[in-house]
Amino acid sequence: IQGYRSRRERQLRQLGRRMADQAVQTGRKQTLEPMPANERRIIHLELRDHPQVFTESVGEEPYRKVTIALRNP
């Protein structure tokens, strides 16, 4: 519907980068709101090569969330 998927993907990528920056600045892990598997996957893929953070999905379906945490130095 009028580019919804591509717009949503762009929003999720921006959200992932913003939350990764916040995790780096604060030194604390960031947990996003629950989202479907396909949306969590976009964030995992966006941040997989980030040098300072890693991502993981936590919780039970349908309430699984992406957590962004600092890599060990």
N, C-alpha and C. Protein backbone atom coordinates (compact mmCIF):
# COMPACT_ATOMS: atom_id res chain seq x y z
N ILE A 1 0.85 -1.19 0.00
CA ILE A 1 0.00 0.00 0.00
C ILE A 1 0.89 1.24 0.00
N GLN A 2 0.98 1.88 -1.13
CA GLN A 2 1.71 3.15 -1.28
C GLN A 2 3.10 3.13 -0.65
N GLY A 3 3.86 2.04 -0.84
CA GLY A 3 5.23 1.99 -0.34
C GLY A 3 5.34 1.82 1.17
N TYR A 4 4.31 1.26 1.80
CA TYR A 4 4.33 1.10 3.26
C TYR A 4 5.53 0.27 3.72
N ARG A 5 5.76 -0.84 3.04
CA ARG A 5 6.85 -1.73 3.48
C ARG A 5 8.19 -1.04 3.44
N SER A 6 8.48 -0.36 2.33
CA SER A 6 9.79 0.29 2.23
C SER A 6 9.90 1.44 3.24
N ARG A 7 8.80 2.15 3.46
CA ARG A 7 8.80 3.23 4.44
C ARG A 7 9.02 2.67 5.84
N ARG A 8 8.33 1.58 6.16
CA ARG A 8 8.48 0.95 7.48
C ARG A 8 9.89 0.42 7.67
N GLU A 9 10.46 -0.18 6.63
CA GLU A 9 11.82 -0.69 6.73
C GLU A 9 12.80 0.45 7.01
N ARG A 10 12.62 1.57 6.32
CA ARG A 10 13.50 2.73 6.53
C ARG A 10 13.36 3.23 7.98
N GLN A 11 12.12 3.28 8.49
CA GLN A 11 11.90 3.71 9.87
C GLN A 11 12.59 2.78 10.86
N LEU A 12 12.49 1.47 10.61
CA LEU A 12 13.10 0.50 11.52
C LEU A 12 14.62 0.60 11.50
N ARG A 13 15.20 0.81 10.31
CA ARG A 13 16.65 0.97 10.21
C ARG A 13 17.11 2.20 10.98
N GLN A 14 16.38 3.29 10.84
CA GLN A 14 16.72 4.52 11.57
C GLN A 14 16.59 4.31 13.07
N LEU A 15 15.52 3.64 13.48
CA LEU A 15 15.30 3.35 14.89
C LEU A 15 16.46 2.53 15.44
N GLY A 16 16.87 1.50 14.71
CA GLY A 16 17.98 0.65 15.15
C GLY A 16 19.26 1.45 15.33
N ARG A 17 19.58 2.29 14.34
CA ARG A 17 20.81 3.09 14.44
C ARG A 17 20.73 4.08 15.60
N ARG A 18 19.57 4.71 15.77
CA ARG A 18 19.40 5.68 16.85
C ARG A 18 19.54 5.01 18.22
N MET A 19 18.93 3.84 18.36
CA MET A 19 19.02 3.13 19.64
C MET A 19 20.42 2.59 19.89
N ALA A 20 21.13 2.20 18.83
CA ALA A 20 22.51 1.76 18.99
C ALA A 20 23.37 2.93 19.46
N ASP A 21 23.17 4.10 18.89
CA ASP A 21 23.92 5.29 19.32
C ASP A 21 23.62 5.59 20.79
N GLN A 22 22.36 5.45 21.16
CA GLN A 22 21.97 5.71 22.55
C GLN A 22 22.63 4.70 23.49
N ALA A 23 22.70 3.44 23.07
CA ALA A 23 23.34 2.42 23.90
C ALA A 23 24.82 2.75 24.09
N VAL A 24 25.48 3.20 23.02
CA VAL A 24 26.89 3.55 23.11
C VAL A 24 27.08 4.76 24.02
N GLN A 25 26.24 5.77 23.88
CA GLN A 25 26.37 6.99 24.68
C GLN A 25 26.11 6.75 26.16
N THR A 26 25.10 5.96 26.47
CA THR A 26 24.73 5.75 27.87
C THR A 26 25.45 4.57 28.51
N GLY A 27 25.94 3.65 27.68
CA GLY A 27 26.57 2.46 28.23
C GLY A 27 25.57 1.43 28.73
N ARG A 28 24.30 1.64 28.43
CA ARG A 28 23.25 0.74 28.89
C ARG A 28 22.56 0.09 27.71
N LYS A 29 22.06 -1.13 27.93
CA LYS A 29 21.37 -1.78 26.83
C LYS A 29 20.01 -1.14 26.60
N GLN A 30 19.58 -1.17 25.38
CA GLN A 30 18.32 -0.58 24.97
C GLN A 30 17.39 -1.71 24.51
N THR A 31 16.15 -1.67 24.95
CA THR A 31 15.17 -2.67 24.55
C THR A 31 14.05 -1.98 23.78
N LEU A 32 13.79 -2.47 22.60
CA LEU A 32 12.74 -1.89 21.76
C LEU A 32 11.40 -2.51 22.10
N GLU A 33 10.34 -1.93 21.55
CA GLU A 33 9.00 -2.44 21.79
C GLU A 33 8.83 -3.80 21.10
N PRO A 34 7.89 -4.62 21.57
CA PRO A 34 7.65 -5.90 20.89
C PRO A 34 7.29 -5.67 19.43
N MET A 35 7.80 -6.55 18.56
CA MET A 35 7.49 -6.43 17.14
C MET A 35 7.55 -7.79 16.49
N PRO A 36 6.95 -7.93 15.32
CA PRO A 36 6.96 -9.21 14.61
C PRO A 36 8.36 -9.60 14.14
N ALA A 37 8.53 -10.86 13.85
CA ALA A 37 9.84 -11.39 13.46
C ALA A 37 10.43 -10.67 12.26
N ASN A 38 9.63 -10.36 11.25
CA ASN A 38 10.19 -9.72 10.07
C ASN A 38 10.73 -8.33 10.39
N GLU A 39 10.14 -7.62 11.33
CA GLU A 39 10.64 -6.30 11.71
C GLU A 39 11.88 -6.42 12.60
N ARG A 40 11.91 -7.42 13.49
CA ARG A 40 13.11 -7.64 14.31
C ARG A 40 14.29 -7.97 13.41
N ARG A 41 14.03 -8.74 12.38
CA ARG A 41 15.10 -9.15 11.46
C ARG A 41 15.74 -7.94 10.79
N ILE A 42 14.96 -6.96 10.41
CA ILE A 42 15.50 -5.75 9.76
C ILE A 42 16.48 -5.05 10.71
N ILE A 43 16.14 -4.96 11.98
CA ILE A 43 17.02 -4.30 12.94
C ILE A 43 18.28 -5.12 13.17
N HIS A 44 18.14 -6.45 13.29
CA HIS A 44 19.32 -7.30 13.45
C HIS A 44 20.26 -7.13 12.26
N LEU A 45 19.71 -7.14 11.05
CA LEU A 45 20.55 -7.01 9.85
C LEU A 45 21.20 -5.63 9.78
N GLU A 46 20.49 -4.60 10.17
CA GLU A 46 21.03 -3.24 10.12
C GLU A 46 22.24 -3.09 11.05
N LEU A 47 22.20 -3.76 12.20
CA LEU A 47 23.24 -3.56 13.21
C LEU A 47 24.25 -4.70 13.29
N ARG A 48 24.16 -5.68 12.40
CA ARG A 48 25.05 -6.84 12.52
C ARG A 48 26.52 -6.49 12.37
N ASP A 49 26.84 -5.44 11.60
CA ASP A 49 28.24 -5.06 11.40
C ASP A 49 28.65 -3.86 12.25
N HIS A 50 27.78 -3.43 13.16
CA HIS A 50 28.10 -2.29 14.02
C HIS A 50 29.24 -2.71 14.95
N PRO A 51 30.31 -1.92 15.01
CA PRO A 51 31.49 -2.34 15.79
C PRO A 51 31.31 -2.31 17.30
N GLN A 52 30.32 -1.56 17.80
CA GLN A 52 30.22 -1.38 19.25
C GLN A 52 29.04 -2.07 19.91
N VAL A 53 28.07 -2.55 19.13
CA VAL A 53 26.89 -3.17 19.74
C VAL A 53 26.55 -4.50 19.07
N PHE A 54 25.76 -5.30 19.78
CA PHE A 54 25.19 -6.52 19.20
C PHE A 54 23.70 -6.53 19.55
N THR A 55 22.95 -7.34 18.84
CA THR A 55 21.51 -7.41 19.06
C THR A 55 21.11 -8.84 19.41
N GLU A 56 20.00 -8.95 20.13
CA GLU A 56 19.41 -10.25 20.40
C GLU A 56 17.91 -10.07 20.60
N SER A 57 17.17 -11.11 20.29
CA SER A 57 15.73 -11.09 20.52
C SER A 57 15.47 -11.78 21.85
N VAL A 58 14.63 -11.16 22.67
CA VAL A 58 14.31 -11.73 23.98
C VAL A 58 12.79 -11.77 24.17
N GLY A 59 12.34 -12.68 25.01
CA GLY A 59 10.92 -12.78 25.30
C GLY A 59 10.24 -13.90 24.54
N GLU A 60 8.95 -14.00 24.75
CA GLU A 60 8.14 -15.04 24.11
C GLU A 60 7.23 -14.41 23.07
N GLU A 61 7.00 -15.15 21.99
CA GLU A 61 6.05 -14.67 20.97
C GLU A 61 4.69 -14.50 21.63
N PRO A 62 3.90 -13.55 21.30
CA PRO A 62 4.15 -12.53 20.27
C PRO A 62 4.79 -11.27 20.84
N TYR A 63 5.43 -11.37 22.00
CA TYR A 63 5.98 -10.19 22.66
C TYR A 63 7.50 -10.15 22.63
N ARG A 64 8.11 -10.76 21.62
CA ARG A 64 9.57 -10.73 21.52
C ARG A 64 10.04 -9.32 21.17
N LYS A 65 11.15 -8.95 21.79
CA LYS A 65 11.70 -7.60 21.60
C LYS A 65 13.15 -7.72 21.17
N VAL A 66 13.65 -6.68 20.53
CA VAL A 66 15.07 -6.61 20.20
C VAL A 66 15.76 -5.84 21.32
N THR A 67 16.86 -6.42 21.80
CA THR A 67 17.70 -5.75 22.79
C THR A 67 19.02 -5.41 22.10
N ILE A 68 19.48 -4.18 22.29
CA ILE A 68 20.74 -3.72 21.72
C ILE A 68 21.68 -3.47 22.90
N ALA A 69 22.81 -4.18 22.91
CA ALA A 69 23.74 -4.06 24.04
C ALA A 69 25.15 -3.83 23.51
N LEU A 70 26.01 -3.32 24.41
CA LEU A 70 27.40 -3.05 24.04
C LEU A 70 28.18 -4.35 23.90
N ARG A 71 29.05 -4.39 22.90
CA ARG A 71 29.99 -5.51 22.77
C ARG A 71 31.04 -5.35 23.87
N ASN A 72 31.61 -6.44 24.29
CA ASN A 72 32.72 -6.35 25.25
C ASN A 72 33.93 -5.78 24.53
N PRO A 73 34.65 -4.89 25.21
CA PRO A 73 35.82 -4.27 24.56
C PRO A 73 36.93 -5.26 24.26
